Amino acid sequence: MEWTDGKKRCHWAAPGDPLYIKYHDEEWGIPVHEDRELFEMLLLEGFQAGLSWACILKKREAFSRAFDGFDVQKVSAYDAGKLAALQADSGIIRNRLKIQAAVINAGVFQQIQQEWGSFDRYLWHWTDGQTVYEAGNVSSPLSDSVSKDLKKRGMKFVGTVIIYSYLQAVGVINSHEPDCFLSVHSV
């Protein structure tokens, strides 16, 4: 693939989509330790299920507006009126089950924060705070374990493939392809 800036990127980073390129270059695979950002990505990954990530990226600002800047306390307290307003919001994915899951997941996210001191501590304990380097997978024993635990705690839309994608997005797993300029192989 030819890139105008001469950098080689992962095959999925569409050369004609500046939003996708920016996401690839500045976010994907970079370790995240801030709980608000971890919640944002968990919410977005849940909405992405069955859709393209490009679709979610294009609606990201609308999701931020609709979900109060991904404030986990506010989202966990949404009532039936807010859920109805979200279902009527054409700027986001208006899937009733995904909207309900976002609220349920916000409550579980807060429970994990209380138990662990932060969601960051919980998430990164799975790898002893280390980034896992692997490419070409859609799930792994790690995503299986995290998914199983989150489901046991009551989260929805957190299957192993969604969680693997989430772990990649927040840098727990670094999956930049070997010839990508952000790969550990190119450093």
N, C-alpha and C. Protein backbone atom coordinates (compact mmCIF):
# COMPACT_ATOMS: atom_id res chain seq x y z
N MET A 1 0.84 -1.17 0.00
CA MET A 1 0.00 0.00 0.00
C MET A 1 0.89 1.25 0.00
N GLU A 2 0.55 2.22 -0.79
CA GLU A 2 1.33 3.46 -0.88
C GLU A 2 0.73 4.53 0.03
N TRP A 3 1.58 5.09 0.85
CA TRP A 3 1.17 6.17 1.75
C TRP A 3 1.87 7.45 1.30
N THR A 4 1.14 8.53 1.29
CA THR A 4 1.70 9.80 0.82
C THR A 4 2.86 10.28 1.69
N ASP A 5 2.88 9.91 2.96
CA ASP A 5 3.98 10.33 3.84
C ASP A 5 5.13 9.34 3.87
N GLY A 6 5.02 8.25 3.09
CA GLY A 6 6.09 7.27 3.01
C GLY A 6 6.14 6.28 4.15
N LYS A 7 5.29 6.41 5.15
CA LYS A 7 5.27 5.48 6.29
C LYS A 7 4.44 4.25 5.94
N LYS A 8 4.90 3.11 6.38
CA LYS A 8 4.12 1.88 6.21
C LYS A 8 3.27 1.69 7.45
N ARG A 9 2.01 1.30 7.23
CA ARG A 9 1.07 1.13 8.32
C ARG A 9 0.42 -0.25 8.24
N CYS A 10 -0.29 -0.60 9.28
CA CYS A 10 -1.07 -1.84 9.29
C CYS A 10 -2.06 -1.82 8.13
N HIS A 11 -2.35 -2.99 7.59
CA HIS A 11 -3.18 -3.07 6.38
C HIS A 11 -4.56 -2.45 6.54
N TRP A 12 -5.10 -2.44 7.76
CA TRP A 12 -6.46 -1.95 7.98
C TRP A 12 -6.55 -0.43 8.01
N ALA A 13 -5.45 0.27 8.14
CA ALA A 13 -5.46 1.75 8.21
C ALA A 13 -5.62 2.31 6.80
N ALA A 14 -6.84 2.56 6.41
CA ALA A 14 -7.18 2.97 5.05
C ALA A 14 -6.47 4.26 4.64
N PRO A 15 -5.65 4.22 3.57
CA PRO A 15 -4.89 5.40 3.14
C PRO A 15 -5.74 6.61 2.81
N GLY A 16 -6.96 6.40 2.37
CA GLY A 16 -7.81 7.52 1.98
C GLY A 16 -8.66 8.09 3.10
N ASP A 17 -8.49 7.61 4.31
CA ASP A 17 -9.34 8.04 5.42
C ASP A 17 -8.48 8.67 6.51
N PRO A 18 -8.38 10.01 6.52
CA PRO A 18 -7.53 10.69 7.51
C PRO A 18 -7.91 10.38 8.96
N LEU A 19 -9.19 10.17 9.22
CA LEU A 19 -9.64 9.84 10.58
C LEU A 19 -9.07 8.49 11.03
N TYR A 20 -9.13 7.52 10.13
CA TYR A 20 -8.60 6.18 10.42
C TYR A 20 -7.09 6.22 10.60
N ILE A 21 -6.41 6.98 9.74
CA ILE A 21 -4.95 7.08 9.83
C ILE A 21 -4.55 7.73 11.16
N LYS A 22 -5.25 8.79 11.53
CA LYS A 22 -4.97 9.47 12.80
C LYS A 22 -5.19 8.51 13.96
N TYR A 23 -6.28 7.75 13.93
CA TYR A 23 -6.55 6.78 14.99
C TYR A 23 -5.42 5.75 15.06
N HIS A 24 -5.05 5.21 13.91
CA HIS A 24 -3.96 4.22 13.86
C HIS A 24 -2.66 4.79 14.40
N ASP A 25 -2.31 5.99 13.97
CA ASP A 25 -1.01 6.58 14.30
C ASP A 25 -0.93 7.12 15.73
N GLU A 26 -2.05 7.61 16.27
CA GLU A 26 -2.00 8.32 17.54
C GLU A 26 -2.69 7.64 18.71
N GLU A 27 -3.48 6.58 18.45
CA GLU A 27 -4.22 5.96 19.55
C GLU A 27 -4.04 4.44 19.64
N TRP A 28 -4.28 3.75 18.54
CA TRP A 28 -4.38 2.30 18.57
C TRP A 28 -3.08 1.66 19.03
N GLY A 29 -3.17 0.86 20.05
CA GLY A 29 -2.00 0.15 20.55
C GLY A 29 -1.17 0.94 21.54
N ILE A 30 -1.53 2.19 21.80
CA ILE A 30 -0.79 3.00 22.78
C ILE A 30 -1.43 2.77 24.15
N PRO A 31 -0.64 2.39 25.15
CA PRO A 31 -1.19 2.09 26.48
C PRO A 31 -2.00 3.25 27.07
N VAL A 32 -3.21 2.91 27.51
CA VAL A 32 -4.12 3.86 28.14
C VAL A 32 -4.23 3.48 29.62
N HIS A 33 -4.13 4.48 30.48
CA HIS A 33 -4.23 4.24 31.92
C HIS A 33 -5.24 5.14 32.60
N GLU A 34 -5.95 5.94 31.85
CA GLU A 34 -6.93 6.86 32.41
C GLU A 34 -8.31 6.23 32.32
N ASP A 35 -9.00 6.12 33.45
CA ASP A 35 -10.27 5.40 33.49
C ASP A 35 -11.33 5.96 32.55
N ARG A 36 -11.41 7.29 32.38
CA ARG A 36 -12.41 7.84 31.47
C ARG A 36 -12.17 7.34 30.05
N GLU A 37 -10.91 7.32 29.63
CA GLU A 37 -10.58 6.84 28.29
C GLU A 37 -10.82 5.34 28.17
N LEU A 38 -10.53 4.60 29.23
CA LEU A 38 -10.79 3.15 29.21
C LEU A 38 -12.28 2.88 29.10
N PHE A 39 -13.10 3.69 29.78
CA PHE A 39 -14.55 3.52 29.67
C PHE A 39 -15.03 3.90 28.28
N GLU A 40 -14.52 5.00 27.75
CA GLU A 40 -14.90 5.43 26.40
C GLU A 40 -14.68 4.29 25.40
N MET A 41 -13.49 3.72 25.42
CA MET A 41 -13.18 2.69 24.44
C MET A 41 -14.01 1.43 24.66
N LEU A 42 -14.30 1.09 25.92
CA LEU A 42 -15.15 -0.07 26.20
C LEU A 42 -16.56 0.16 25.65
N LEU A 43 -17.08 1.36 25.85
CA LEU A 43 -18.41 1.69 25.34
C LEU A 43 -18.41 1.65 23.82
N LEU A 44 -17.41 2.27 23.19
CA LEU A 44 -17.36 2.30 21.72
C LEU A 44 -17.18 0.90 21.13
N GLU A 45 -16.33 0.08 21.75
CA GLU A 45 -16.14 -1.29 21.24
C GLU A 45 -17.44 -2.08 21.32
N GLY A 46 -18.21 -1.87 22.37
CA GLY A 46 -19.51 -2.55 22.47
C GLY A 46 -20.45 -2.14 21.36
N PHE A 47 -20.46 -0.86 21.03
CA PHE A 47 -21.32 -0.39 19.94
C PHE A 47 -20.81 -0.85 18.58
N GLN A 48 -19.52 -1.11 18.47
CA GLN A 48 -18.93 -1.52 17.20
C GLN A 48 -19.33 -2.94 16.81
N ALA A 49 -19.72 -3.75 17.77
CA ALA A 49 -20.05 -5.16 17.49
C ALA A 49 -20.94 -5.28 16.26
N GLY A 50 -20.45 -5.99 15.25
CA GLY A 50 -21.20 -6.21 14.02
C GLY A 50 -21.10 -5.07 13.02
N LEU A 51 -20.38 -4.03 13.34
CA LEU A 51 -20.23 -2.88 12.46
C LEU A 51 -18.74 -2.63 12.20
N SER A 52 -18.44 -1.67 11.37
CA SER A 52 -17.04 -1.34 11.11
C SER A 52 -16.55 -0.30 12.12
N TRP A 53 -15.26 -0.34 12.40
CA TRP A 53 -14.68 0.65 13.30
C TRP A 53 -14.74 2.03 12.66
N ALA A 54 -14.66 2.11 11.34
CA ALA A 54 -14.77 3.39 10.65
C ALA A 54 -16.11 4.06 10.96
N CYS A 55 -17.16 3.27 11.02
CA CYS A 55 -18.49 3.80 11.36
C CYS A 55 -18.47 4.41 12.76
N ILE A 56 -17.85 3.74 13.71
CA ILE A 56 -17.78 4.23 15.09
C ILE A 56 -16.93 5.49 15.16
N LEU A 57 -15.79 5.49 14.49
CA LEU A 57 -14.93 6.68 14.51
C LEU A 57 -15.65 7.91 13.99
N LYS A 58 -16.44 7.73 12.95
CA LYS A 58 -17.17 8.86 12.37
C LYS A 58 -18.24 9.39 13.32
N LYS A 59 -18.73 8.53 14.19
CA LYS A 59 -19.78 8.92 15.14
C LYS A 59 -19.23 9.19 16.54
N ARG A 60 -17.92 9.16 16.70
CA ARG A 60 -17.31 9.27 18.03
C ARG A 60 -17.70 10.56 18.76
N GLU A 61 -17.67 11.68 18.06
CA GLU A 61 -18.05 12.95 18.69
C GLU A 61 -19.51 12.93 19.12
N ALA A 62 -20.37 12.35 18.31
CA ALA A 62 -21.78 12.25 18.66
C ALA A 62 -21.96 11.33 19.87
N PHE A 63 -21.18 10.25 19.93
CA PHE A 63 -21.24 9.37 21.11
C PHE A 63 -20.80 10.13 22.35
N SER A 64 -19.75 10.92 22.23
CA SER A 64 -19.25 11.69 23.37
C SER A 64 -20.33 12.65 23.88
N ARG A 65 -20.97 13.33 22.95
CA ARG A 65 -22.04 14.26 23.31
C ARG A 65 -23.21 13.50 23.95
N ALA A 66 -23.63 12.42 23.32
CA ALA A 66 -24.80 11.67 23.78
C ALA A 66 -24.55 11.00 25.14
N PHE A 67 -23.32 10.57 25.37
CA PHE A 67 -22.99 9.86 26.61
C PHE A 67 -22.18 10.73 27.58
N ASP A 68 -22.52 12.03 27.61
CA ASP A 68 -21.96 12.96 28.59
C ASP A 68 -20.45 12.87 28.72
N GLY A 69 -19.76 12.90 27.58
CA GLY A 69 -18.30 12.87 27.60
C GLY A 69 -17.74 11.59 28.19
N PHE A 70 -18.52 10.52 28.11
CA PHE A 70 -18.13 9.20 28.64
C PHE A 70 -17.87 9.26 30.14
N ASP A 71 -18.68 10.06 30.83
CA ASP A 71 -18.62 10.14 32.29
C ASP A 71 -19.34 8.92 32.86
N VAL A 72 -18.56 7.99 33.41
CA VAL A 72 -19.11 6.70 33.85
C VAL A 72 -20.18 6.86 34.93
N GLN A 73 -20.03 7.84 35.81
CA GLN A 73 -21.04 8.06 36.86
C GLN A 73 -22.37 8.51 36.26
N LYS A 74 -22.29 9.44 35.32
CA LYS A 74 -23.52 9.91 34.67
C LYS A 74 -24.17 8.79 33.87
N VAL A 75 -23.38 8.05 33.10
CA VAL A 75 -23.94 6.98 32.26
C VAL A 75 -24.60 5.91 33.11
N SER A 76 -23.98 5.56 34.23
CA SER A 76 -24.55 4.50 35.08
C SER A 76 -25.88 4.92 35.69
N ALA A 77 -26.15 6.22 35.76
CA ALA A 77 -27.38 6.72 36.37
C ALA A 77 -28.48 7.03 35.35
N TYR A 78 -28.28 6.73 34.09
CA TYR A 78 -29.30 7.03 33.09
C TYR A 78 -30.61 6.33 33.43
N ASP A 79 -31.70 7.08 33.24
CA ASP A 79 -33.03 6.54 33.49
C ASP A 79 -33.72 6.23 32.16
N ALA A 80 -34.96 5.79 32.25
CA ALA A 80 -35.72 5.41 31.05
C ALA A 80 -35.84 6.57 30.07
N GLY A 81 -35.99 7.78 30.56
CA GLY A 81 -36.09 8.94 29.69
C GLY A 81 -34.82 9.17 28.89
N LYS A 82 -33.69 9.02 29.54
CA LYS A 82 -32.40 9.19 28.85
C LYS A 82 -32.19 8.07 27.84
N LEU A 83 -32.58 6.85 28.20
CA LEU A 83 -32.46 5.72 27.27
C LEU A 83 -33.31 5.97 26.02
N ALA A 84 -34.50 6.50 26.22
CA ALA A 84 -35.38 6.81 25.07
C ALA A 84 -34.76 7.91 24.21
N ALA A 85 -34.17 8.90 24.85
CA ALA A 85 -33.51 9.98 24.09
C ALA A 85 -32.34 9.44 23.28
N LEU A 86 -31.58 8.52 23.86
CA LEU A 86 -30.46 7.91 23.14
C LEU A 86 -30.96 7.12 21.93
N GLN A 87 -32.06 6.40 22.11
CA GLN A 87 -32.60 5.62 20.99
C GLN A 87 -33.11 6.53 19.87
N ALA A 88 -33.41 7.77 20.19
CA ALA A 88 -33.89 8.71 19.17
C ALA A 88 -32.75 9.53 18.57
N ASP A 89 -31.54 9.39 19.09
CA ASP A 89 -30.40 10.20 18.65
C ASP A 89 -29.80 9.62 17.37
N SER A 90 -30.02 10.29 16.25
CA SER A 90 -29.55 9.78 14.96
C SER A 90 -28.04 9.88 14.80
N GLY A 91 -27.35 10.55 15.70
CA GLY A 91 -25.91 10.68 15.62
C GLY A 91 -25.14 9.45 16.07
N ILE A 92 -25.83 8.57 16.81
CA ILE A 92 -25.18 7.37 17.34
C ILE A 92 -25.83 6.11 16.77
N ILE A 93 -25.29 4.97 17.14
CA ILE A 93 -25.91 3.68 16.80
C ILE A 93 -27.08 3.52 17.76
N ARG A 94 -28.29 3.40 17.24
CA ARG A 94 -29.48 3.41 18.08
C ARG A 94 -29.99 2.02 18.41
N ASN A 95 -29.08 1.12 18.67
CA ASN A 95 -29.45 -0.24 19.03
C ASN A 95 -29.83 -0.27 20.51
N ARG A 96 -31.08 -0.63 20.79
CA ARG A 96 -31.60 -0.62 22.16
C ARG A 96 -30.77 -1.47 23.11
N LEU A 97 -30.38 -2.67 22.67
CA LEU A 97 -29.61 -3.56 23.54
C LEU A 97 -28.22 -3.00 23.83
N LYS A 98 -27.61 -2.37 22.84
CA LYS A 98 -26.28 -1.78 23.05
C LYS A 98 -26.36 -0.56 23.97
N ILE A 99 -27.41 0.21 23.84
CA ILE A 99 -27.61 1.37 24.72
C ILE A 99 -27.81 0.89 26.15
N GLN A 100 -28.66 -0.11 26.34
CA GLN A 100 -28.86 -0.66 27.69
C GLN A 100 -27.56 -1.24 28.24
N ALA A 101 -26.80 -1.91 27.39
CA ALA A 101 -25.53 -2.50 27.82
C ALA A 101 -24.56 -1.42 28.27
N ALA A 102 -24.55 -0.28 27.60
CA ALA A 102 -23.65 0.81 28.00
C ALA A 102 -23.93 1.24 29.44
N VAL A 103 -25.20 1.31 29.81
CA VAL A 103 -25.58 1.71 31.17
C VAL A 103 -25.22 0.61 32.17
N ILE A 104 -25.54 -0.62 31.84
CA ILE A 104 -25.19 -1.75 32.71
C ILE A 104 -23.67 -1.82 32.89
N ASN A 105 -22.95 -1.71 31.79
CA ASN A 105 -21.49 -1.80 31.84
C ASN A 105 -20.88 -0.66 32.66
N ALA A 106 -21.50 0.52 32.61
CA ALA A 106 -21.01 1.65 33.41
C ALA A 106 -21.12 1.32 34.90
N GLY A 107 -22.21 0.68 35.30
CA GLY A 107 -22.36 0.28 36.70
C GLY A 107 -21.33 -0.75 37.12
N VAL A 108 -21.09 -1.74 36.27
CA VAL A 108 -20.09 -2.76 36.57
C VAL A 108 -18.70 -2.14 36.58
N PHE A 109 -18.43 -1.24 35.65
CA PHE A 109 -17.15 -0.52 35.58
C PHE A 109 -16.88 0.17 36.92
N GLN A 110 -17.91 0.83 37.48
CA GLN A 110 -17.76 1.50 38.77
C GLN A 110 -17.51 0.50 39.90
N GLN A 111 -18.18 -0.64 39.85
CA GLN A 111 -17.94 -1.67 40.88
C GLN A 111 -16.48 -2.13 40.83
N ILE A 112 -15.96 -2.30 39.61
CA ILE A 112 -14.57 -2.71 39.45
C ILE A 112 -13.64 -1.61 39.97
N GLN A 113 -13.98 -0.35 39.69
CA GLN A 113 -13.18 0.76 40.22
C GLN A 113 -13.13 0.72 41.74
N GLN A 114 -14.26 0.46 42.36
CA GLN A 114 -14.32 0.41 43.83
C GLN A 114 -13.49 -0.76 44.36
N GLU A 115 -13.61 -1.91 43.70
CA GLU A 115 -12.89 -3.10 44.14
C GLU A 115 -11.38 -2.97 43.96
N TRP A 116 -10.95 -2.41 42.85
CA TRP A 116 -9.53 -2.38 42.48
C TRP A 116 -8.86 -1.02 42.71
N GLY A 117 -9.64 0.00 43.02
CA GLY A 117 -9.07 1.35 43.15
C GLY A 117 -9.15 2.13 41.85
N SER A 118 -9.14 1.43 40.74
CA SER A 118 -9.33 2.02 39.41
C SER A 118 -9.57 0.88 38.42
N PHE A 119 -10.22 1.21 37.32
CA PHE A 119 -10.39 0.20 36.28
C PHE A 119 -9.05 -0.11 35.65
N ASP A 120 -8.18 0.89 35.58
CA ASP A 120 -6.83 0.72 35.05
C ASP A 120 -6.10 -0.41 35.79
N ARG A 121 -6.13 -0.40 37.10
CA ARG A 121 -5.45 -1.45 37.88
C ARG A 121 -6.03 -2.83 37.55
N TYR A 122 -7.35 -2.89 37.48
CA TYR A 122 -8.01 -4.15 37.14
C TYR A 122 -7.55 -4.64 35.77
N LEU A 123 -7.65 -3.77 34.77
CA LEU A 123 -7.36 -4.18 33.40
C LEU A 123 -5.91 -4.62 33.22
N TRP A 124 -4.99 -3.83 33.74
CA TRP A 124 -3.57 -4.11 33.53
C TRP A 124 -3.04 -5.21 34.44
N HIS A 125 -3.82 -5.63 35.45
CA HIS A 125 -3.33 -6.72 36.30
C HIS A 125 -3.26 -8.02 35.52
N TRP A 126 -4.07 -8.12 34.46
CA TRP A 126 -4.09 -9.35 33.66
C TRP A 126 -2.74 -9.64 33.01
N THR A 127 -1.94 -8.59 32.81
CA THR A 127 -0.63 -8.76 32.16
C THR A 127 0.50 -8.25 33.05
N ASP A 128 0.23 -8.12 34.33
CA ASP A 128 1.22 -7.58 35.27
C ASP A 128 1.75 -6.23 34.80
N GLY A 129 0.87 -5.43 34.20
CA GLY A 129 1.24 -4.09 33.77
C GLY A 129 2.05 -4.03 32.49
N GLN A 130 2.22 -5.16 31.83
CA GLN A 130 3.05 -5.22 30.62
C GLN A 130 2.18 -5.30 29.37
N THR A 131 2.68 -4.71 28.29
CA THR A 131 2.01 -4.82 27.00
C THR A 131 2.37 -6.17 26.38
N VAL A 132 1.38 -6.83 25.81
CA VAL A 132 1.57 -8.09 25.09
C VAL A 132 1.73 -7.75 23.61
N TYR A 133 2.74 -8.32 22.97
CA TYR A 133 2.98 -8.06 21.55
C TYR A 133 2.59 -9.29 20.73
N GLU A 134 1.57 -9.11 19.89
CA GLU A 134 1.15 -10.18 18.99
C GLU A 134 0.30 -9.57 17.89
N ALA A 135 0.37 -10.17 16.73
CA ALA A 135 -0.40 -9.67 15.58
C ALA A 135 -1.09 -10.83 14.89
N GLY A 136 -2.18 -10.51 14.23
CA GLY A 136 -2.87 -11.50 13.42
C GLY A 136 -3.96 -12.29 14.13
N ASN A 137 -4.26 -11.97 15.37
CA ASN A 137 -5.29 -12.71 16.11
C ASN A 137 -6.56 -11.88 16.23
N VAL A 138 -7.66 -12.57 16.50
CA VAL A 138 -8.92 -11.88 16.81
C VAL A 138 -9.37 -12.19 18.23
N SER A 139 -8.70 -13.15 18.86
CA SER A 139 -8.95 -13.48 20.26
C SER A 139 -7.71 -14.21 20.77
N SER A 140 -7.67 -14.40 22.08
CA SER A 140 -6.52 -15.07 22.69
C SER A 140 -6.93 -15.58 24.06
N PRO A 141 -6.09 -16.38 24.70
CA PRO A 141 -6.41 -16.79 26.08
C PRO A 141 -6.60 -15.58 27.00
N LEU A 142 -5.86 -14.50 26.76
CA LEU A 142 -6.02 -13.29 27.57
C LEU A 142 -7.41 -12.70 27.38
N SER A 143 -7.83 -12.50 26.13
CA SER A 143 -9.16 -11.92 25.89
C SER A 143 -10.25 -12.87 26.37
N ASP A 144 -10.02 -14.18 26.28
CA ASP A 144 -10.98 -15.16 26.81
C ASP A 144 -11.17 -14.95 28.31
N SER A 145 -10.05 -14.78 29.03
CA SER A 145 -10.11 -14.64 30.50
C SER A 145 -10.77 -13.33 30.92
N VAL A 146 -10.38 -12.23 30.27
CA VAL A 146 -10.96 -10.94 30.62
C VAL A 146 -12.46 -10.94 30.29
N SER A 147 -12.82 -11.45 29.12
CA SER A 147 -14.21 -11.53 28.70
C SER A 147 -15.04 -12.35 29.70
N LYS A 148 -14.52 -13.49 30.06
CA LYS A 148 -15.23 -14.38 31.01
C LYS A 148 -15.46 -13.66 32.34
N ASP A 149 -14.44 -12.96 32.83
CA ASP A 149 -14.57 -12.27 34.10
C ASP A 149 -15.57 -11.12 34.01
N LEU A 150 -15.51 -10.33 32.94
CA LEU A 150 -16.44 -9.21 32.79
C LEU A 150 -17.88 -9.70 32.66
N LYS A 151 -18.08 -10.79 31.94
CA LYS A 151 -19.42 -11.38 31.82
C LYS A 151 -19.92 -11.86 33.18
N LYS A 152 -19.05 -12.50 33.93
CA LYS A 152 -19.41 -13.00 35.26
C LYS A 152 -19.84 -11.83 36.16
N ARG A 153 -19.23 -10.68 35.96
CA ARG A 153 -19.55 -9.49 36.75
C ARG A 153 -20.83 -8.81 36.27
N GLY A 154 -21.32 -9.21 35.07
CA GLY A 154 -22.59 -8.68 34.57
C GLY A 154 -22.51 -7.79 33.34
N MET A 155 -21.32 -7.59 32.79
CA MET A 155 -21.21 -6.76 31.58
C MET A 155 -21.81 -7.47 30.37
N LYS A 156 -22.24 -6.67 29.43
CA LYS A 156 -22.84 -7.14 28.17
C LYS A 156 -21.98 -6.66 26.99
N PHE A 157 -22.07 -7.36 25.86
CA PHE A 157 -21.31 -7.04 24.66
C PHE A 157 -19.81 -7.01 24.96
N VAL A 158 -19.36 -8.02 25.68
CA VAL A 158 -17.94 -8.13 26.04
C VAL A 158 -17.43 -9.54 25.72
N GLY A 159 -17.82 -10.06 24.57
CA GLY A 159 -17.31 -11.36 24.13
C GLY A 159 -15.83 -11.28 23.86
N THR A 160 -15.20 -12.42 23.68
CA THR A 160 -13.74 -12.45 23.55
C THR A 160 -13.21 -11.66 22.36
N VAL A 161 -13.94 -11.63 21.24
CA VAL A 161 -13.47 -10.87 20.07
C VAL A 161 -13.57 -9.36 20.34
N ILE A 162 -14.67 -8.93 20.96
CA ILE A 162 -14.81 -7.52 21.32
C ILE A 162 -13.72 -7.13 22.32
N ILE A 163 -13.49 -7.97 23.32
CA ILE A 163 -12.48 -7.66 24.33
C ILE A 163 -11.08 -7.69 23.72
N TYR A 164 -10.82 -8.58 22.80
CA TYR A 164 -9.50 -8.58 22.14
C TYR A 164 -9.29 -7.24 21.42
N SER A 165 -10.31 -6.80 20.69
CA SER A 165 -10.23 -5.52 19.99
C SER A 165 -10.03 -4.38 20.98
N TYR A 166 -10.73 -4.45 22.10
CA TYR A 166 -10.59 -3.43 23.16
C TYR A 166 -9.17 -3.42 23.71
N LEU A 167 -8.63 -4.60 24.00
CA LEU A 167 -7.27 -4.68 24.54
C LEU A 167 -6.25 -4.12 23.55
N GLN A 168 -6.49 -4.34 22.26
CA GLN A 168 -5.63 -3.74 21.24
C GLN A 168 -5.77 -2.22 21.25
N ALA A 169 -7.00 -1.75 21.30
CA ALA A 169 -7.26 -0.31 21.24
C ALA A 169 -6.59 0.45 22.38
N VAL A 170 -6.59 -0.15 23.58
CA VAL A 170 -6.05 0.55 24.75
C VAL A 170 -4.61 0.14 25.07
N GLY A 171 -3.99 -0.60 24.17
CA GLY A 171 -2.56 -0.88 24.28
C GLY A 171 -2.15 -1.99 25.21
N VAL A 172 -3.11 -2.73 25.76
CA VAL A 172 -2.72 -3.92 26.54
C VAL A 172 -2.10 -4.93 25.60
N ILE A 173 -2.67 -5.00 24.40
CA ILE A 173 -2.09 -5.82 23.32
C ILE A 173 -1.64 -4.87 22.22
N ASN A 174 -0.40 -4.98 21.80
CA ASN A 174 0.12 -4.21 20.68
C ASN A 174 0.17 -5.14 19.48
N SER A 175 -0.68 -4.86 18.50
CA SER A 175 -0.78 -5.73 17.33
C SER A 175 -0.36 -5.05 16.03
N HIS A 176 0.46 -4.02 16.14
CA HIS A 176 0.93 -3.41 14.90
C HIS A 176 1.71 -4.45 14.09
N GLU A 177 1.39 -4.53 12.82
CA GLU A 177 1.99 -5.54 11.95
C GLU A 177 3.49 -5.31 11.81
N PRO A 178 4.26 -6.36 11.56
CA PRO A 178 5.72 -6.25 11.54
C PRO A 178 6.29 -5.16 10.65
N ASP A 179 5.64 -4.86 9.51
CA ASP A 179 6.20 -3.82 8.64
C ASP A 179 5.63 -2.43 8.91
N CYS A 180 4.75 -2.30 9.89
CA CYS A 180 4.19 -1.01 10.28
C CYS A 180 5.24 -0.17 10.99
N PHE A 181 5.25 1.13 10.75
CA PHE A 181 6.25 1.98 11.37
C PHE A 181 6.10 2.04 12.89
N LEU A 182 4.94 1.63 13.41
CA LEU A 182 4.72 1.62 14.86
C LEU A 182 4.96 0.25 15.49
N SER A 183 5.36 -0.72 14.70
CA SER A 183 5.62 -2.05 15.21
C SER A 183 6.84 -2.07 16.10
N VAL A 184 6.84 -2.96 17.07
CA VAL A 184 8.03 -3.12 17.93
C VAL A 184 9.20 -3.61 17.08
N HIS A 185 8.92 -4.22 15.94
CA HIS A 185 9.97 -4.73 15.06
C HIS A 185 10.68 -3.59 14.30
N SER A 186 10.00 -2.44 14.19
CA SER A 186 10.60 -1.34 13.44
C SER A 186 11.33 -0.34 14.35
N VAL A 187 11.27 -0.57 15.65
CA VAL A 187 11.92 0.35 16.60
C VAL A 187 13.40 0.09 16.67
